[in-house]
Amino acid sequence: MTQELIIIFLSTFALAVIVTPLIIKLAKKYNLVDCPNDRKKHNGSIPLMGGLAIIIPVLIMGIILQPESEHMLGIVVGGSLIIIAGVLDDILSLKPLTKLVIQIAAAVIVMSSGLMIEALTVPFMGHVDLGILSYAVTLFWIIGVTNALNLIDGLDGLASGVAAIAFGSILVMAISDSTTVVIYLSILYVASLLGFLVYNFYPAKIFLGDTGSLFIGYSLAVISMLGLFKNVTVFSFIVPIMVLMIPIFDTLFAIIRRTINKQHIMTADRMHIHYVLLGLGFGHRNTVLIIYAFSIMFGALAIIFTNATMILSLIIMGFLVVTLHFLAELTGLVYGGRMPIIRRLKKLVNLK
């Protein structure tokens, strides 16, 4: 199994490394580029459609491996809708409502295949059947994670790196649980994302575009359901949330922050975690690496949490609460970012 996974990883990685320059040339030829403006400070016009450089290797290797799941048809059809929405958005800039309708349609197709979050294992409550609420919870999960990854796609290599770490965490847990379909799918995404990062890390030669960020977010949502939520006797509801902690809570805090400030929830601002770290003076590359470090930490905690004792679980959850307060303060949700942690960070950066 180990040798097979290594071969799959290297083959997918090589495909991504080969395909990405071709997508760069194609995007330039048809002027599918992202130009600098008031909110985008990159130098020059950067090719979009990087998502295709991830989708193509995953698709080719998926056809070769043919991972089996009763839900696969629904997942593929739903994913196809997400890809279409992303491509159209990169080319035509779709309205948010149009994208949302397509995402809802994709989620409904996935649910119609039978893939649902039907029950959760909640600490101190045990096994909880969701009943009719399972439809709302599943819909919210798929749409939420899909858009969460899209919202953190603000710096070179950020979304793709965070997604690779999340898929890597899911892969480790799937291997320990011997969930074959999740193992295959996760390793395809890890390899493809890392191959793409060769060209996407700062300074980027290509961007994910909505084609990539929406599809990868959708894939994270669905694959985590296959591997984490389905095994409610082993995995707690908090595990997939921990794996995707950065994109989920950055998005949640943004919604709460804008609601408090009486802004539309789709209003763009510069208070996302990556923008705040940039504003503190950490620089582009260091900001991305800091968020990588947080993502790796959360992924590791999720893996530990699955086999932790009650005492260790409580310690981990306490640590997460403290960390969430830090993130809330960092993103301006707590007193507009003027609390002691922010002041100390500013002093630390200024000392450097």
Protein backbone atom coordinates (compact mmCIF):
# COMPACT_ATOMS: atom_id res chain seq x y z
CA MET A 1 0.00 0.00 0.00
CA THR A 2 2.80 2.41 0.92
CA GLN A 3 4.65 1.84 -2.36
CA GLU A 4 1.41 2.28 -4.32
CA LEU A 5 0.67 5.58 -2.59
CA ILE A 6 4.20 6.86 -3.31
CA ILE A 7 3.79 6.02 -7.01
CA ILE A 8 0.37 7.71 -7.10
CA PHE A 9 1.75 10.79 -5.35
CA LEU A 10 4.78 11.16 -7.64
CA SER A 11 2.73 10.56 -10.81
CA THR A 12 0.11 13.16 -9.84
CA PHE A 13 2.75 15.65 -8.71
CA ALA A 14 4.62 15.26 -12.01
CA LEU A 15 1.39 15.75 -13.98
CA ALA A 16 0.64 18.98 -12.11
CA VAL A 17 4.17 20.28 -12.70
CA ILE A 18 3.84 19.52 -16.43
CA VAL A 19 0.26 20.77 -16.89
CA THR A 20 0.57 24.09 -15.01
CA PRO A 21 2.93 25.81 -17.52
CA LEU A 22 0.54 24.77 -20.31
CA ILE A 23 -2.37 26.41 -18.46
CA ILE A 24 -0.22 29.54 -17.97
CA LYS A 25 0.39 29.76 -21.73
CA LEU A 26 -3.29 29.13 -22.49
CA ALA A 27 -4.45 31.81 -20.03
CA LYS A 28 -2.03 34.36 -21.48
CA LYS A 29 -3.06 33.51 -25.04
CA TYR A 30 -6.73 34.21 -24.31
CA ASN A 31 -6.00 37.09 -21.91
CA LEU A 32 -7.48 35.27 -18.92
CA VAL A 33 -5.41 37.26 -16.44
CA ASP A 34 -5.83 39.04 -13.12
CA CYS A 35 -4.80 42.69 -13.31
CA PRO A 36 -3.69 44.85 -10.33
CA ASN A 37 -6.24 47.27 -8.84
CA ASP A 38 -7.03 49.00 -5.54
CA ARG A 39 -7.46 45.65 -3.76
CA LYS A 40 -4.91 43.58 -5.69
CA LYS A 41 -1.31 44.68 -5.33
CA HIS A 42 0.52 42.02 -7.35
CA ASN A 43 2.97 43.09 -10.05
CA GLY A 44 1.72 42.83 -13.60
CA SER A 45 -1.03 40.67 -15.04
CA ILE A 46 -1.03 37.14 -13.62
CA PRO A 47 -2.72 34.25 -15.48
CA LEU A 48 -5.91 32.85 -13.92
CA MET A 49 -7.51 29.42 -14.40
CA GLY A 50 -4.88 27.75 -12.20
CA GLY A 51 -7.64 25.51 -10.92
CA LEU A 52 -7.50 23.60 -14.21
CA ALA A 53 -3.87 22.73 -13.45
CA ILE A 54 -5.11 20.95 -10.31
CA ILE A 55 -8.32 19.51 -11.74
CA ILE A 56 -6.68 17.90 -14.80
CA PRO A 57 -4.11 15.75 -12.88
CA VAL A 58 -6.78 14.74 -10.33
CA LEU A 59 -9.17 13.81 -13.16
CA ILE A 60 -6.56 11.80 -15.12
CA MET A 61 -5.35 9.87 -12.07
CA GLY A 62 -8.93 9.45 -10.83
CA ILE A 63 -9.88 7.76 -14.12
CA ILE A 64 -6.86 5.47 -13.78
CA LEU A 65 -7.49 4.57 -10.13
CA GLN A 66 -11.31 4.61 -10.27
CA PRO A 67 -11.87 4.91 -6.50
CA GLU A 68 -15.20 3.29 -5.68
CA SER A 69 -17.99 4.95 -3.77
CA GLU A 70 -21.75 4.80 -4.07
CA HIS A 71 -21.72 8.61 -3.93
CA MET A 72 -19.12 9.15 -6.69
CA LEU A 73 -21.56 10.02 -9.50
CA GLY A 74 -23.22 12.72 -7.42
CA ILE A 75 -19.83 14.09 -6.31
CA VAL A 76 -18.56 14.26 -9.91
CA VAL A 77 -21.73 15.91 -11.26
CA GLY A 78 -21.78 18.42 -8.41
CA GLY A 79 -18.08 19.11 -8.93
CA SER A 80 -18.67 19.69 -12.64
CA LEU A 81 -21.21 22.40 -11.80
CA ILE A 82 -18.71 24.06 -9.46
CA ILE A 83 -16.03 23.99 -12.18
CA ILE A 84 -18.43 25.57 -14.69
CA ALA A 85 -19.32 28.29 -12.19
CA GLY A 86 -15.64 28.97 -11.49
CA VAL A 87 -14.67 29.16 -15.16
CA LEU A 88 -17.57 31.48 -15.97
CA ASP A 89 -16.72 33.66 -12.97
CA ASP A 90 -13.07 33.95 -14.03
CA ILE A 91 -14.15 34.93 -17.54
CA LEU A 92 -17.38 36.89 -16.99
CA SER A 93 -17.42 37.76 -13.25
CA LEU A 94 -20.69 36.15 -12.21
CA LYS A 95 -22.96 37.82 -9.66
CA PRO A 96 -22.64 36.38 -6.12
CA LEU A 97 -26.28 35.22 -6.20
CA THR A 98 -25.70 33.29 -9.43
CA LYS A 99 -22.69 31.51 -7.93
CA LEU A 100 -24.67 30.72 -4.79
CA VAL A 101 -27.53 29.18 -6.78
CA ILE A 102 -25.06 26.95 -8.65
CA GLN A 103 -23.42 25.93 -5.37
CA ILE A 104 -26.79 25.04 -3.87
CA ALA A 105 -27.57 22.93 -6.95
CA ALA A 106 -24.22 21.12 -6.59
CA ALA A 107 -24.87 20.47 -2.89
CA VAL A 108 -28.36 19.15 -3.61
CA ILE A 109 -26.94 16.74 -6.20
CA VAL A 110 -24.40 15.47 -3.65
CA MET A 111 -27.16 15.01 -1.06
CA SER A 112 -29.35 13.19 -3.59
CA SER A 113 -26.55 10.62 -3.95
CA GLY A 114 -27.06 9.77 -0.28
CA LEU A 115 -23.99 11.55 1.08
CA MET A 116 -25.32 13.39 4.11
CA ILE A 117 -24.22 14.51 7.56
CA GLU A 118 -26.88 12.46 9.31
CA ALA A 119 -25.44 12.29 12.82
CA LEU A 120 -22.66 13.76 14.91
CA THR A 121 -20.68 12.64 17.92
CA VAL A 122 -20.86 15.59 20.27
CA PRO A 123 -18.64 15.72 23.40
CA PHE A 124 -20.61 14.93 26.59
CA MET A 125 -23.73 14.18 24.51
CA GLY A 126 -22.63 11.17 22.51
CA HIS A 127 -24.30 10.12 19.25
CA VAL A 128 -26.82 12.71 18.05
CA ASP A 129 -29.12 11.98 15.08
CA LEU A 130 -29.86 15.16 13.13
CA GLY A 131 -33.07 13.97 11.50
CA ILE A 132 -34.50 16.51 9.06
CA LEU A 133 -31.81 18.98 10.14
CA SER A 134 -29.27 16.84 8.27
CA TYR A 135 -30.31 18.53 5.01
CA ALA A 136 -29.63 22.02 6.34
CA VAL A 137 -26.38 21.00 8.05
CA THR A 138 -25.07 19.25 4.91
CA LEU A 139 -26.04 22.17 2.68
CA PHE A 140 -24.44 24.67 5.04
CA TRP A 141 -21.25 22.59 5.29
CA ILE A 142 -20.74 22.20 1.53
CA ILE A 143 -21.51 25.83 0.66
CA GLY A 144 -19.64 27.17 3.70
CA VAL A 145 -16.38 25.31 3.08
CA THR A 146 -16.56 25.97 -0.68
CA ASN A 147 -16.70 29.73 -0.09
CA ALA A 148 -14.36 29.74 2.90
CA LEU A 149 -11.42 28.60 0.80
CA ASN A 150 -12.36 31.12 -1.87
CA LEU A 151 -12.26 33.96 0.66
CA ILE A 152 -8.74 33.19 1.93
CA ASP A 153 -7.37 33.08 -1.62
CA GLY A 154 -5.80 36.52 -1.21
CA LEU A 155 -2.05 35.85 -1.26
CA ASP A 156 0.25 33.82 -3.49
CA GLY A 157 0.14 30.17 -2.48
CA LEU A 158 -2.12 30.73 0.53
CA ALA A 159 -5.32 28.89 -0.41
CA SER A 160 -3.53 26.10 -2.28
CA GLY A 161 -1.07 25.54 0.59
CA VAL A 162 -3.76 25.55 3.30
CA ALA A 163 -5.84 23.13 1.21
CA ALA A 164 -2.84 20.80 0.74
CA ILE A 165 -2.31 20.75 4.52
CA ALA A 166 -6.02 20.04 5.11
CA PHE A 167 -6.05 17.20 2.58
CA GLY A 168 -2.83 15.87 4.13
CA SER A 169 -4.48 15.79 7.56
CA ILE A 170 -7.52 13.98 6.15
CA LEU A 171 -5.16 11.54 4.39
CA VAL A 172 -3.39 10.61 7.64
CA MET A 173 -6.72 9.97 9.39
CA ALA A 174 -8.07 8.01 6.40
CA ILE A 175 -4.98 5.77 6.40
CA SER A 176 -5.43 5.01 10.11
CA ASP A 177 -9.09 4.23 9.42
CA SER A 178 -8.38 2.31 6.16
CA THR A 179 -10.91 4.36 4.16
CA THR A 180 -9.65 3.54 0.65
CA VAL A 181 -11.67 6.05 -1.40
CA VAL A 182 -10.67 8.92 0.89
CA ILE A 183 -7.02 7.81 0.85
CA TYR A 184 -6.93 7.86 -2.96
CA LEU A 185 -8.78 11.15 -3.34
CA SER A 186 -6.79 12.92 -0.62
CA ILE A 187 -3.39 11.91 -1.98
CA LEU A 188 -4.42 13.03 -5.49
CA TYR A 189 -5.28 16.48 -4.17
CA VAL A 190 -2.18 16.79 -1.98
CA ALA A 191 0.11 15.88 -4.88
CA SER A 192 -1.70 18.07 -7.41
CA LEU A 193 -1.75 21.07 -5.05
CA LEU A 194 1.95 20.72 -4.22
CA GLY A 195 2.80 20.47 -7.92
CA PHE A 196 0.75 23.60 -8.57
CA LEU A 197 2.46 25.40 -5.65
CA VAL A 198 5.75 25.19 -7.56
CA TYR A 199 4.28 27.97 -9.75
CA ASN A 200 1.78 29.50 -7.31
CA PHE A 201 4.00 30.24 -4.29
CA TYR A 202 5.27 33.81 -3.95
CA PRO A 203 5.99 35.33 -6.41
CA ALA A 204 3.19 33.52 -8.24
CA LYS A 205 3.29 32.80 -11.95
CA ILE A 206 -0.37 31.76 -11.93
CA PHE A 207 -3.40 32.21 -9.66
CA LEU A 208 -6.01 29.64 -8.68
CA GLY A 209 -8.85 31.85 -9.82
CA ASP A 210 -12.38 31.01 -8.75
CA THR A 211 -12.13 27.89 -10.90
CA GLY A 212 -9.58 26.52 -8.47
CA SER A 213 -10.59 27.96 -5.11
CA LEU A 214 -14.28 27.05 -5.45
CA PHE A 215 -13.59 23.53 -6.72
CA ILE A 216 -10.94 22.80 -4.08
CA GLY A 217 -13.24 24.13 -1.34
CA TYR A 218 -16.06 21.94 -2.66
CA SER A 219 -13.73 18.93 -2.77
CA LEU A 220 -12.57 19.54 0.81
CA ALA A 221 -16.18 19.70 2.00
CA VAL A 222 -17.24 16.51 0.22
CA ILE A 223 -14.14 14.42 0.95
CA SER A 224 -14.23 15.38 4.63
CA MET A 225 -17.83 14.13 4.68
CA LEU A 226 -16.74 10.83 3.13
CA GLY A 227 -13.92 10.32 5.59
CA LEU A 228 -14.73 12.18 8.80
CA PHE A 229 -18.42 12.84 9.30
CA LYS A 230 -19.45 9.39 8.12
CA ASN A 231 -17.45 7.67 10.87
CA VAL A 232 -19.35 9.19 13.76
CA THR A 233 -18.32 6.43 16.15
CA VAL A 234 -14.65 7.34 15.69
CA PHE A 235 -14.52 11.01 14.72
CA SER A 236 -16.09 13.84 16.66
CA PHE A 237 -17.88 16.65 14.87
CA ILE A 238 -15.00 18.95 15.77
CA VAL A 239 -12.39 17.03 13.72
CA PRO A 240 -13.28 18.31 10.21
CA ILE A 241 -13.73 21.79 11.64
CA MET A 242 -10.23 21.62 13.18
CA VAL A 243 -8.72 20.47 9.88
CA LEU A 244 -10.29 23.49 8.12
CA MET A 245 -9.98 25.89 11.05
CA ILE A 246 -8.31 28.82 9.26
CA PRO A 247 -10.68 29.18 6.25
CA ILE A 248 -13.81 28.39 8.29
CA PHE A 249 -13.24 30.84 11.12
CA ASP A 250 -11.74 33.57 8.96
CA THR A 251 -14.99 33.46 6.98
CA LEU A 252 -17.21 33.21 10.07
CA PHE A 253 -15.47 36.14 11.75
CA ALA A 254 -15.78 38.19 8.56
CA ILE A 255 -19.55 37.60 8.46
CA ILE A 256 -19.96 38.51 12.16
CA ARG A 257 -17.69 41.56 11.80
CA ARG A 258 -19.61 42.90 8.81
CA THR A 259 -22.95 42.24 10.49
CA ILE A 260 -21.83 44.18 13.59
CA ASN A 261 -20.62 47.02 11.36
CA LYS A 262 -23.95 46.93 9.47
CA GLN A 263 -22.26 46.01 6.21
CA HIS A 264 -23.40 43.54 3.59
CA ILE A 265 -21.78 40.15 4.29
CA MET A 266 -20.31 40.13 0.75
CA THR A 267 -18.62 43.52 1.27
CA ALA A 268 -14.87 43.22 0.73
CA ASP A 269 -12.55 44.40 3.48
CA ARG A 270 -8.89 44.17 4.51
CA MET A 271 -9.49 42.45 7.86
CA HIS A 272 -8.98 38.86 6.78
CA ILE A 273 -6.16 37.14 8.68
CA HIS A 274 -3.68 37.36 5.81
CA TYR A 275 -4.28 41.08 5.23
CA VAL A 276 -3.91 41.85 8.94
CA LEU A 277 -0.58 40.00 9.13
CA LEU A 278 0.59 41.88 6.06
CA GLY A 279 -0.44 45.14 7.72
CA LEU A 280 1.58 44.21 10.79
CA GLY A 281 4.67 44.10 8.57
CA PHE A 282 5.36 40.37 8.30
CA GLY A 283 5.68 40.51 4.51
CA HIS A 284 4.01 38.40 1.84
CA ARG A 285 6.07 35.21 2.12
CA ASN A 286 6.23 35.22 5.93
CA THR A 287 2.49 35.85 6.24
CA VAL A 288 1.75 32.80 4.12
CA LEU A 289 4.24 30.67 6.08
CA ILE A 290 2.70 31.79 9.40
CA ILE A 291 -0.76 30.70 8.23
CA TYR A 292 0.73 27.42 6.97
CA ALA A 293 2.15 26.87 10.46
CA PHE A 294 -1.26 27.49 12.05
CA SER A 295 -2.89 25.10 9.55
CA ILE A 296 -0.33 22.38 10.26
CA MET A 297 -0.89 22.84 13.99
CA PHE A 298 -4.68 22.53 13.63
CA GLY A 299 -4.30 19.50 11.35
CA ALA A 300 -1.98 17.80 13.85
CA LEU A 301 -4.39 18.57 16.70
CA ALA A 302 -7.24 17.04 14.70
CA ILE A 303 -5.23 13.86 14.17
CA ILE A 304 -4.35 13.68 17.89
CA PHE A 305 -7.93 14.47 18.88
CA THR A 306 -9.29 11.38 17.09
CA ASN A 307 -7.46 9.07 19.53
CA ALA A 308 -7.17 11.33 22.57
CA THR A 309 -8.28 10.56 26.10
CA MET A 310 -11.03 12.67 27.64
CA ILE A 311 -8.51 14.79 29.56
CA LEU A 312 -6.36 15.41 26.47
CA SER A 313 -9.49 16.20 24.43
CA LEU A 314 -10.49 18.86 26.96
CA ILE A 315 -6.97 20.33 26.91
CA ILE A 316 -7.04 20.50 23.11
CA MET A 317 -10.48 22.11 23.09
CA GLY A 318 -9.34 24.66 25.69
CA PHE A 319 -6.32 25.49 23.55
CA LEU A 320 -8.59 25.92 20.52
CA VAL A 321 -10.79 28.37 22.41
CA VAL A 322 -7.74 30.49 23.31
CA THR A 323 -6.50 30.33 19.71
CA LEU A 324 -9.89 31.34 18.36
CA HIS A 325 -9.87 34.37 20.65
CA PHE A 326 -6.48 35.30 19.23
CA LEU A 327 -7.80 34.94 15.66
CA ALA A 328 -10.92 36.94 16.54
CA GLU A 329 -8.75 39.73 17.89
CA LEU A 330 -6.42 39.55 14.92
CA THR A 331 -9.28 39.98 12.45
CA GLY A 332 -10.79 42.94 14.30
CA LEU A 333 -13.78 41.09 15.73
CA VAL A 334 -12.72 41.90 19.32
CA TYR A 335 -12.51 45.64 19.99
CA GLY A 336 -11.44 46.44 16.45
CA GLY A 337 -8.06 44.77 16.81
CA ARG A 338 -6.89 47.10 19.60
CA MET A 339 -6.46 44.47 22.32
CA PRO A 340 -3.08 43.69 23.99
CA ILE A 341 -2.17 40.79 21.67
CA ILE A 342 -2.26 43.06 18.63
CA ARG A 343 -0.21 45.75 20.38
CA ARG A 344 2.40 43.19 21.38
CA LEU A 345 2.57 41.83 17.84
CA LYS A 346 3.08 45.34 16.50
CA LYS A 347 5.89 45.94 18.99
CA LEU A 348 7.48 42.61 18.07
CA VAL A 349 7.42 43.44 14.36
CA ASN A 350 8.74 46.96 14.96
CA LEU A 351 11.64 45.56 16.98
CA LYS A 352 12.66 43.49 13.99
